[in-house]
Amino acid sequence: MFFSAALAALALGVSQVAAHGGVLSYSINGQTYDGFKAYNTPTGQSSIQREWDTYNPLTNPTDPNLACNANGASLGSGQKSATVAAGSKVTAYWNQWPHAIGPVMVYMAKCNGACTTSTPSSLSWFKIDQAGLISGTLPNGTWGQGELIANNNSWTSTIPSSLAPGEYFIRHELLAIHTSNQPQFYPECAQLIITGSGSAQPSGSYLVKFPGAYSMSDPGVGIDVYSQPNVSNYTIPGPAVWQG
């Protein structure tokens, strides 16, 4: 009986991993950085990525873990940061992503001193990249997530070249909206040390908090794409992209 129950639990875990996912690694300036290994203890792990514990989504836009996923904790002595020049490209590699409907969004946040000791939900985030409905209609068109799948489950963004040096988080987020009126948020955070001679910092309406940036009343969050088969526009949630 115990053996059968264990097999059932394992099968459930495998099905959940297959259905959902997260960022598994990063490529920056030709160097690969392994991500945190979900479903494993953080003890002994070393990564530029913050801890995330499950492939399952967050489904509430006010979830306290929305900044960097559950639970978004620092790895302590195992927490690393990648040194990156402003203007560089960062590629995030996801697992075999199954959802083609929904936007891709990439944010950054300047840490208050060292990122390793910063609390992501207390920081001000700005968006550096996004892709929503690229062409076609809501239920059948080409989306940012469809492009991610077509590009070997990866997404490449450029850090604004004018961004001031310092320690930052980079936050990749997929918002899957293939389930009617039930958003699925998949945020992942990694730590960067930005170098360069830039001096620019976003302000005002470019800055948001997580949670706080989204609500179910946003047209791009609480949406049923299947009830609008002929609509060919989509409003990506969150602030406008800051380009420096």
C-alpha atoms as a PDB file:
ATOM      1  CA  MET A   1       0.000   0.000   0.000  1.00  0.00           C
ATOM      2  CA  PHE A   2       2.793   2.436   0.922  1.00  0.00           C
ATOM      3  CA  PHE A   3       4.641   1.587  -2.288  1.00  0.00           C
ATOM      4  CA  SER A   4       1.533   2.313  -4.381  1.00  0.00           C
ATOM      5  CA  ALA A   5       0.956   5.602  -2.587  1.00  0.00           C
ATOM      6  CA  ALA A   6       4.578   6.606  -3.151  1.00  0.00           C
ATOM      7  CA  LEU A   7       4.290   5.839  -6.857  1.00  0.00           C
ATOM      8  CA  ALA A   8       1.099   7.889  -7.073  1.00  0.00           C
ATOM      9  CA  ALA A   9       2.769  10.839  -5.349  1.00  0.00           C
ATOM     10  CA  LEU A  10       5.761  10.583  -7.669  1.00  0.00           C
ATOM     11  CA  ALA A  11       3.513  10.482 -10.725  1.00  0.00           C
ATOM     12  CA  LEU A  12       1.671  13.564  -9.494  1.00  0.00           C
ATOM     13  CA  GLY A  13       4.949  15.402  -8.984  1.00  0.00           C
ATOM     14  CA  VAL A  14       6.148  14.467 -12.471  1.00  0.00           C
ATOM     15  CA  SER A  15       2.870  15.644 -14.029  1.00  0.00           C
ATOM     16  CA  GLN A  16       3.105  18.967 -12.197  1.00  0.00           C
ATOM     17  CA  VAL A  17       6.664  19.513 -13.393  1.00  0.00           C
ATOM     18  CA  ALA A  18       5.609  18.692 -16.951  1.00  0.00           C
ATOM     19  CA  ALA A  19       2.672  21.113 -16.783  1.00  0.00           C
ATOM     20  CA  HIS A  20       4.450  24.127 -15.327  1.00  0.00           C
ATOM     21  CA  GLY A  21       7.994  25.326 -14.808  1.00  0.00           C
ATOM     22  CA  GLY A  22      10.656  27.931 -14.189  1.00  0.00           C
ATOM     23  CA  VAL A  23      14.054  29.272 -15.217  1.00  0.00           C
ATOM     24  CA  LEU A  24      16.708  26.552 -15.038  1.00  0.00           C
ATOM     25  CA  SER A  25      19.813  28.505 -16.127  1.00  0.00           C
ATOM     26  CA  TYR A  26      21.137  31.790 -17.486  1.00  0.00           C
ATOM     27  CA  SER A  27      23.626  32.679 -20.213  1.00  0.00           C
ATOM     28  CA  ILE A  28      25.464  35.982 -19.886  1.00  0.00           C
ATOM     29  CA  ASN A  29      28.382  37.027 -22.108  1.00  0.00           C
ATOM     30  CA  GLY A  30      29.085  33.433 -23.056  1.00  0.00           C
ATOM     31  CA  GLN A  31      29.030  32.127 -19.492  1.00  0.00           C
ATOM     32  CA  THR A  32      26.360  29.756 -18.206  1.00  0.00           C
ATOM     33  CA  TYR A  33      25.009  30.085 -14.669  1.00  0.00           C
ATOM     34  CA  ASP A  34      22.990  27.227 -13.227  1.00  0.00           C
ATOM     35  CA  GLY A  35      19.711  28.146 -11.574  1.00  0.00           C
ATOM     36  CA  PHE A  36      18.360  27.000  -8.237  1.00  0.00           C
ATOM     37  CA  LYS A  37      17.169  23.395  -8.294  1.00  0.00           C
ATOM     38  CA  ALA A  38      13.534  23.400  -7.229  1.00  0.00           C
ATOM     39  CA  TYR A  39      12.216  20.539  -5.078  1.00  0.00           C
ATOM     40  CA  ASN A  40      15.652  20.300  -3.446  1.00  0.00           C
ATOM     41  CA  THR A  41      16.885  21.708  -0.165  1.00  0.00           C
ATOM     42  CA  PRO A  42      18.758  25.012  -0.525  1.00  0.00           C
ATOM     43  CA  THR A  43      21.483  23.592   1.727  1.00  0.00           C
ATOM     44  CA  GLY A  44      24.590  23.101  -0.385  1.00  0.00           C
ATOM     45  CA  GLN A  45      23.198  24.858  -3.463  1.00  0.00           C
ATOM     46  CA  SER A  46      25.086  27.749  -5.057  1.00  0.00           C
ATOM     47  CA  SER A  47      23.452  29.955  -7.679  1.00  0.00           C
ATOM     48  CA  ILE A  48      22.908  33.525  -8.861  1.00  0.00           C
ATOM     49  CA  GLN A  49      19.200  32.706  -8.733  1.00  0.00           C
ATOM     50  CA  ARG A  50      17.036  33.114  -5.637  1.00  0.00           C
ATOM     51  CA  GLU A  51      15.308  30.079  -4.160  1.00  0.00           C
ATOM     52  CA  TRP A  52      12.089  28.884  -5.777  1.00  0.00           C
ATOM     53  CA  ASP A  53      10.457  25.751  -4.468  1.00  0.00           C
ATOM     54  CA  THR A  54       7.933  24.510  -7.015  1.00  0.00           C
ATOM     55  CA  TYR A  55       7.111  24.467 -10.715  1.00  0.00           C
ATOM     56  CA  ASN A  56       3.534  25.391  -9.828  1.00  0.00           C
ATOM     57  CA  PRO A  57       2.286  28.917 -10.581  1.00  0.00           C
ATOM     58  CA  LEU A  58       1.222  31.722  -8.324  1.00  0.00           C
ATOM     59  CA  THR A  59      -2.400  32.466  -9.158  1.00  0.00           C
ATOM     60  CA  ASN A  60      -3.125  35.561  -7.072  1.00  0.00           C
ATOM     61  CA  PRO A  61      -1.680  38.899  -8.287  1.00  0.00           C
ATOM     62  CA  THR A  62      -1.419  40.008  -4.657  1.00  0.00           C
ATOM     63  CA  ASP A  63       0.487  36.910  -3.515  1.00  0.00           C
ATOM     64  CA  PRO A  64       3.275  37.994  -1.107  1.00  0.00           C
ATOM     65  CA  ASN A  65       5.707  35.772  -3.039  1.00  0.00           C
ATOM     66  CA  LEU A  66       5.057  37.503  -6.375  1.00  0.00           C
ATOM     67  CA  ALA A  67       8.392  39.331  -6.417  1.00  0.00           C
ATOM     68  CA  CYS A  68      10.644  36.293  -6.767  1.00  0.00           C
ATOM     69  CA  ASN A  69       8.397  33.218  -6.398  1.00  0.00           C
ATOM     70  CA  ALA A  70       7.991  30.968  -3.355  1.00  0.00           C
ATOM     71  CA  ASN A  71       9.877  31.581  -1.331  1.00  0.00           C
ATOM     72  CA  GLY A  72      12.442  33.857  -3.000  1.00  0.00           C
ATOM     73  CA  ALA A  73      14.915  33.527  -0.147  1.00  0.00           C
ATOM     74  CA  SER A  74      18.621  34.248  -0.316  1.00  0.00           C
ATOM     75  CA  LEU A  75      20.844  31.168  -0.366  1.00  0.00           C
ATOM     76  CA  GLY A  76      23.106  32.740   2.234  1.00  0.00           C
ATOM     77  CA  SER A  77      26.703  31.680   1.672  1.00  0.00           C
ATOM     78  CA  GLY A  78      25.606  29.943  -1.531  1.00  0.00           C
ATOM     79  CA  GLN A  79      24.037  33.071  -2.984  1.00  0.00           C
ATOM     80  CA  LYS A  80      26.070  34.435  -5.895  1.00  0.00           C
ATOM     81  CA  SER A  81      25.791  37.393  -8.264  1.00  0.00           C
ATOM     82  CA  ALA A  82      26.878  37.607 -11.893  1.00  0.00           C
ATOM     83  CA  THR A  83      28.970  40.637 -12.860  1.00  0.00           C
ATOM     84  CA  VAL A  84      27.505  42.122 -16.043  1.00  0.00           C
ATOM     85  CA  ALA A  85      28.296  45.278 -18.022  1.00  0.00           C
ATOM     86  CA  ALA A  86      25.336  47.524 -18.776  1.00  0.00           C
ATOM     87  CA  GLY A  87      24.286  46.941 -22.383  1.00  0.00           C
ATOM     88  CA  SER A  88      24.913  43.182 -22.138  1.00  0.00           C
ATOM     89  CA  LYS A  89      22.396  40.528 -23.124  1.00  0.00           C
ATOM     90  CA  VAL A  90      20.968  38.107 -20.568  1.00  0.00           C
ATOM     91  CA  THR A  91      19.327  34.870 -21.713  1.00  0.00           C
ATOM     92  CA  ALA A  92      17.081  32.889 -19.381  1.00  0.00           C
ATOM     93  CA  TYR A  93      16.452  29.226 -20.201  1.00  0.00           C
ATOM     94  CA  TRP A  94      13.182  27.708 -19.044  1.00  0.00           C
ATOM     95  CA  ASN A  95      12.164  24.074 -18.797  1.00  0.00           C
ATOM     96  CA  GLN A  96      10.152  22.522 -21.642  1.00  0.00           C
ATOM     97  CA  TRP A  97       7.522  25.246 -21.484  1.00  0.00           C
ATOM     98  CA  PRO A  98       4.003  24.037 -22.417  1.00  0.00           C
ATOM     99  CA  HIS A  99       1.949  27.256 -22.520  1.00  0.00           C
ATOM    100  CA  ALA A 100       1.973  29.377 -25.677  1.00  0.00           C
ATOM    101  CA  ILE A 101      -0.653  31.946 -24.647  1.00  0.00           C
ATOM    102  CA  GLY A 102       0.538  34.863 -22.557  1.00  0.00           C
ATOM    103  CA  PRO A 103       3.128  37.611 -22.238  1.00  0.00           C
ATOM    104  CA  VAL A 104       6.804  37.505 -21.302  1.00  0.00           C
ATOM    105  CA  MET A 105       8.025  40.291 -19.017  1.00  0.00           C
ATOM    106  CA  VAL A 106      11.486  41.131 -17.669  1.00  0.00           C
ATOM    107  CA  TYR A 107      12.087  43.478 -14.748  1.00  0.00           C
ATOM    108  CA  MET A 108      15.038  44.769 -12.744  1.00  0.00           C
ATOM    109  CA  ALA A 109      15.339  46.335  -9.300  1.00  0.00           C
ATOM    110  CA  LYS A 110      18.234  48.151  -7.682  1.00  0.00           C
ATOM    111  CA  CYS A 111      19.083  46.623  -4.336  1.00  0.00           C
ATOM    112  CA  ASN A 112      19.493  48.583  -1.140  1.00  0.00           C
ATOM    113  CA  GLY A 113      23.170  47.735  -0.814  1.00  0.00           C
ATOM    114  CA  ALA A 114      23.889  44.048  -1.335  1.00  0.00           C
ATOM    115  CA  CYS A 115      21.191  42.044  -3.115  1.00  0.00           C
ATOM    116  CA  THR A 116      21.968  39.005  -0.975  1.00  0.00           C
ATOM    117  CA  THR A 117      20.575  40.787   2.080  1.00  0.00           C
ATOM    118  CA  SER A 118      17.733  42.598   0.250  1.00  0.00           C
ATOM    119  CA  THR A 119      14.064  41.664   0.481  1.00  0.00           C
ATOM    120  CA  PRO A 120      12.604  41.580  -3.068  1.00  0.00           C
ATOM    121  CA  SER A 121       9.104  42.684  -2.024  1.00  0.00           C
ATOM    122  CA  SER A 122      10.528  45.894  -0.536  1.00  0.00           C
ATOM    123  CA  LEU A 123      12.279  46.977  -3.746  1.00  0.00           C
ATOM    124  CA  SER A 124      11.089  49.184  -6.613  1.00  0.00           C
ATOM    125  CA  TRP A 125      10.985  47.272  -9.908  1.00  0.00           C
ATOM    126  CA  PHE A 126      11.180  48.567 -13.472  1.00  0.00           C
ATOM    127  CA  LYS A 127      10.466  46.725 -16.688  1.00  0.00           C
ATOM    128  CA  ILE A 128      13.213  46.402 -19.315  1.00  0.00           C
ATOM    129  CA  ASP A 129      11.538  44.048 -21.801  1.00  0.00           C
ATOM    130  CA  GLN A 130       8.168  42.588 -22.719  1.00  0.00           C
ATOM    131  CA  ALA A 131       6.265  40.800 -25.478  1.00  0.00           C
ATOM    132  CA  GLY A 132       2.528  40.158 -25.502  1.00  0.00           C
ATOM    133  CA  LEU A 133       0.264  39.313 -28.428  1.00  0.00           C
ATOM    134  CA  ILE A 134       2.569  39.642 -31.416  1.00  0.00           C
ATOM    135  CA  SER A 135       0.114  38.809 -34.192  1.00  0.00           C
ATOM    136  CA  GLY A 136      -3.291  37.212 -34.720  1.00  0.00           C
ATOM    137  CA  THR A 137      -6.136  36.920 -32.241  1.00  0.00           C
ATOM    138  CA  LEU A 138      -6.202  36.272 -28.500  1.00  0.00           C
ATOM    139  CA  PRO A 139      -6.894  32.508 -28.544  1.00  0.00           C
ATOM    140  CA  ASN A 140      -5.023  31.627 -31.747  1.00  0.00           C
ATOM    141  CA  GLY A 141      -2.345  34.236 -32.272  1.00  0.00           C
ATOM    142  CA  THR A 142       1.408  34.315 -31.749  1.00  0.00           C
ATOM    143  CA  TRP A 143       2.375  35.364 -28.233  1.00  0.00           C
ATOM    144  CA  GLY A 144       5.599  36.187 -26.454  1.00  0.00           C
ATOM    145  CA  GLN A 145       5.456  32.773 -24.814  1.00  0.00           C
ATOM    146  CA  GLY A 146       5.053  31.145 -28.215  1.00  0.00           C
ATOM    147  CA  GLU A 147       8.221  32.928 -29.323  1.00  0.00           C
ATOM    148  CA  LEU A 148       9.986  31.719 -26.169  1.00  0.00           C
ATOM    149  CA  ILE A 149       9.024  28.121 -26.986  1.00  0.00           C
ATOM    150  CA  ALA A 150      10.180  28.525 -30.582  1.00  0.00           C
ATOM    151  CA  ASN A 151      13.538  29.841 -29.353  1.00  0.00           C
ATOM    152  CA  ASN A 152      14.481  26.708 -27.431  1.00  0.00           C
ATOM    153  CA  ASN A 153      12.481  27.781 -24.359  1.00  0.00           C
ATOM    154  CA  SER A 154      14.700  30.825 -23.895  1.00  0.00           C
ATOM    155  CA  TRP A 155      14.302  34.588 -23.691  1.00  0.00           C
ATOM    156  CA  THR A 156      17.045  37.158 -24.323  1.00  0.00           C
ATOM    157  CA  SER A 157      16.893  40.729 -23.048  1.00  0.00           C
ATOM    158  CA  THR A 158      19.353  43.622 -23.126  1.00  0.00           C
ATOM    159  CA  ILE A 159      20.210  45.513 -19.960  1.00  0.00           C
ATOM    160  CA  PRO A 160      19.852  49.249 -20.724  1.00  0.00           C
ATOM    161  CA  SER A 161      23.306  50.570 -21.565  1.00  0.00           C
ATOM    162  CA  SER A 162      22.784  53.785 -19.580  1.00  0.00           C
ATOM    163  CA  LEU A 163      21.825  52.010 -16.346  1.00  0.00           C
ATOM    164  CA  ALA A 164      23.873  53.175 -13.361  1.00  0.00           C
ATOM    165  CA  PRO A 165      26.280  50.632 -11.840  1.00  0.00           C
ATOM    166  CA  GLY A 166      25.291  48.739  -8.728  1.00  0.00           C
ATOM    167  CA  GLU A 167      23.700  45.542  -7.471  1.00  0.00           C
ATOM    168  CA  TYR A 168      20.398  44.584  -9.058  1.00  0.00           C
ATOM    169  CA  PHE A 169      17.884  41.812  -9.350  1.00  0.00           C
ATOM    170  CA  ILE A 170      16.711  40.694 -12.769  1.00  0.00           C
ATOM    171  CA  ARG A 171      13.233  39.187 -12.741  1.00  0.00           C
ATOM    172  CA  HIS A 172      11.876  37.046 -15.573  1.00  0.00           C
ATOM    173  CA  GLU A 173       8.140  36.469 -15.542  1.00  0.00           C
ATOM    174  CA  LEU A 174       5.736  34.463 -17.663  1.00  0.00           C
ATOM    175  CA  LEU A 175       2.037  35.193 -17.237  1.00  0.00           C
ATOM    176  CA  ALA A 176       0.150  32.210 -18.621  1.00  0.00           C
ATOM    177  CA  ILE A 177      -3.459  33.071 -19.481  1.00  0.00           C
ATOM    178  CA  HIS A 178      -4.538  29.878 -21.245  1.00  0.00           C
ATOM    179  CA  THR A 179      -6.957  29.107 -18.391  1.00  0.00           C
ATOM    180  CA  SER A 180     -10.076  31.273 -18.509  1.00  0.00           C
ATOM    181  CA  ASN A 181     -10.038  34.078 -15.915  1.00  0.00           C
ATOM    182  CA  GLN A 182      -7.297  32.357 -13.909  1.00  0.00           C
ATOM    183  CA  PRO A 183      -3.851  33.934 -14.390  1.00  0.00           C
ATOM    184  CA  GLN A 184      -0.746  31.876 -13.711  1.00  0.00           C
ATOM    185  CA  PHE A 185       2.335  33.876 -12.706  1.00  0.00           C
ATOM    186  CA  TYR A 186       5.818  32.343 -13.005  1.00  0.00           C
ATOM    187  CA  PRO A 187       8.395  34.850 -11.678  1.00  0.00           C
ATOM    188  CA  GLU A 188      12.091  34.035 -11.219  1.00  0.00           C
ATOM    189  CA  CYS A 189      14.860  36.279  -9.863  1.00  0.00           C
ATOM    190  CA  ALA A 190      18.643  36.318 -10.197  1.00  0.00           C
ATOM    191  CA  GLN A 191      21.271  38.659  -8.807  1.00  0.00           C
ATOM    192  CA  LEU A 192      23.504  40.861 -10.968  1.00  0.00           C
ATOM    193  CA  ILE A 193      26.299  43.335 -10.324  1.00  0.00           C
ATOM    194  CA  ILE A 194      26.052  45.934 -13.094  1.00  0.00           C
ATOM    195  CA  THR A 195      29.191  47.709 -14.229  1.00  0.00           C
ATOM    196  CA  GLY A 196      29.761  50.568 -16.663  1.00  0.00           C
ATOM    197  CA  SER A 197      29.758  54.351 -16.830  1.00  0.00           C
ATOM    198  CA  GLY A 198      26.000  54.894 -17.001  1.00  0.00           C
ATOM    199  CA  SER A 199      24.154  57.127 -14.579  1.00  0.00           C
ATOM    200  CA  ALA A 200      20.492  56.618 -15.460  1.00  0.00           C
ATOM    201  CA  GLN A 201      17.869  55.386 -12.995  1.00  0.00           C
ATOM    202  CA  PRO A 202      14.145  54.998 -13.677  1.00  0.00           C
ATOM    203  CA  SER A 203      11.663  56.951 -11.582  1.00  0.00           C
ATOM    204  CA  GLY A 204       7.989  57.779 -11.279  1.00  0.00           C
ATOM    205  CA  SER A 205       5.500  55.636 -13.154  1.00  0.00           C
ATOM    206  CA  TYR A 206       8.228  53.229 -14.312  1.00  0.00           C
ATOM    207  CA  LEU A 207       8.588  51.867 -10.763  1.00  0.00           C
ATOM    208  CA  VAL A 208       6.298  49.267  -9.177  1.00  0.00           C
ATOM    209  CA  LYS A 209       6.193  46.936  -6.186  1.00  0.00           C
ATOM    210  CA  PHE A 210       5.562  43.191  -6.108  1.00  0.00           C
ATOM    211  CA  PRO A 211       2.936  42.574  -5.021  1.00  0.00           C
ATOM    212  CA  GLY A 212       1.167  45.761  -6.007  1.00  0.00           C
ATOM    213  CA  ALA A 213       1.916  46.056  -9.720  1.00  0.00           C
ATOM    214  CA  TYR A 214      -1.004  43.878 -10.838  1.00  0.00           C
ATOM    215  CA  SER A 215      -4.625  43.268  -9.915  1.00  0.00           C
ATOM    216  CA  MET A 216      -7.342  40.941 -11.174  1.00  0.00           C
ATOM    217  CA  SER A 217      -9.131  43.971 -12.637  1.00  0.00           C
ATOM    218  CA  ASP A 218      -6.244  44.644 -15.037  1.00  0.00           C
ATOM    219  CA  PRO A 219      -7.443  43.828 -18.577  1.00  0.00           C
ATOM    220  CA  GLY A 220      -4.405  41.648 -19.214  1.00  0.00           C
ATOM    221  CA  VAL A 221      -4.664  39.677 -15.963  1.00  0.00           C
ATOM    222  CA  GLY A 222      -8.261  38.606 -15.313  1.00  0.00           C
ATOM    223  CA  ILE A 223      -8.925  37.732 -18.927  1.00  0.00           C
ATOM    224  CA  ASP A 224     -10.750  34.971 -20.792  1.00  0.00           C
ATOM    225  CA  VAL A 225      -9.064  34.843 -24.199  1.00  0.00           C
ATOM    226  CA  TYR A 226     -11.528  32.240 -25.497  1.00  0.00           C
ATOM    227  CA  SER A 227     -14.526  34.539 -25.022  1.00  0.00           C
ATOM    228  CA  GLN A 228     -12.911  37.073 -27.377  1.00  0.00           C
ATOM    229  CA  PRO A 229     -12.003  34.991 -30.452  1.00  0.00           C
ATOM    230  CA  ASN A 230     -11.810  37.955 -32.821  1.00  0.00           C
ATOM    231  CA  VAL A 231      -9.872  40.401 -30.633  1.00  0.00           C
ATOM    232  CA  SER A 232      -6.363  41.134 -31.871  1.00  0.00           C
ATOM    233  CA  ASN A 233      -4.998  43.395 -29.132  1.00  0.00           C
ATOM    234  CA  TYR A 234      -3.834  42.734 -25.590  1.00  0.00           C
ATOM    235  CA  THR A 235      -2.752  45.064 -22.780  1.00  0.00           C
ATOM    236  CA  ILE A 236       0.391  43.792 -21.062  1.00  0.00           C
ATOM    237  CA  PRO A 237       0.093  44.412 -17.310  1.00  0.00           C
ATOM    238  CA  GLY A 238       2.565  46.465 -15.327  1.00  0.00           C
ATOM    239  CA  PRO A 239       4.454  49.651 -16.183  1.00  0.00           C
ATOM    240  CA  ALA A 240       5.839  50.769 -19.515  1.00  0.00           C
ATOM    241  CA  VAL A 241       9.269  49.481 -20.537  1.00  0.00           C
ATOM    242  CA  TRP A 242      12.138  51.666 -19.329  1.00  0.00           C
ATOM    243  CA  GLN A 243      14.817  51.872 -22.015  1.00  0.00           C
ATOM    244  CA  GLY A 244      17.277  54.130 -20.210  1.00  0.00           C
END
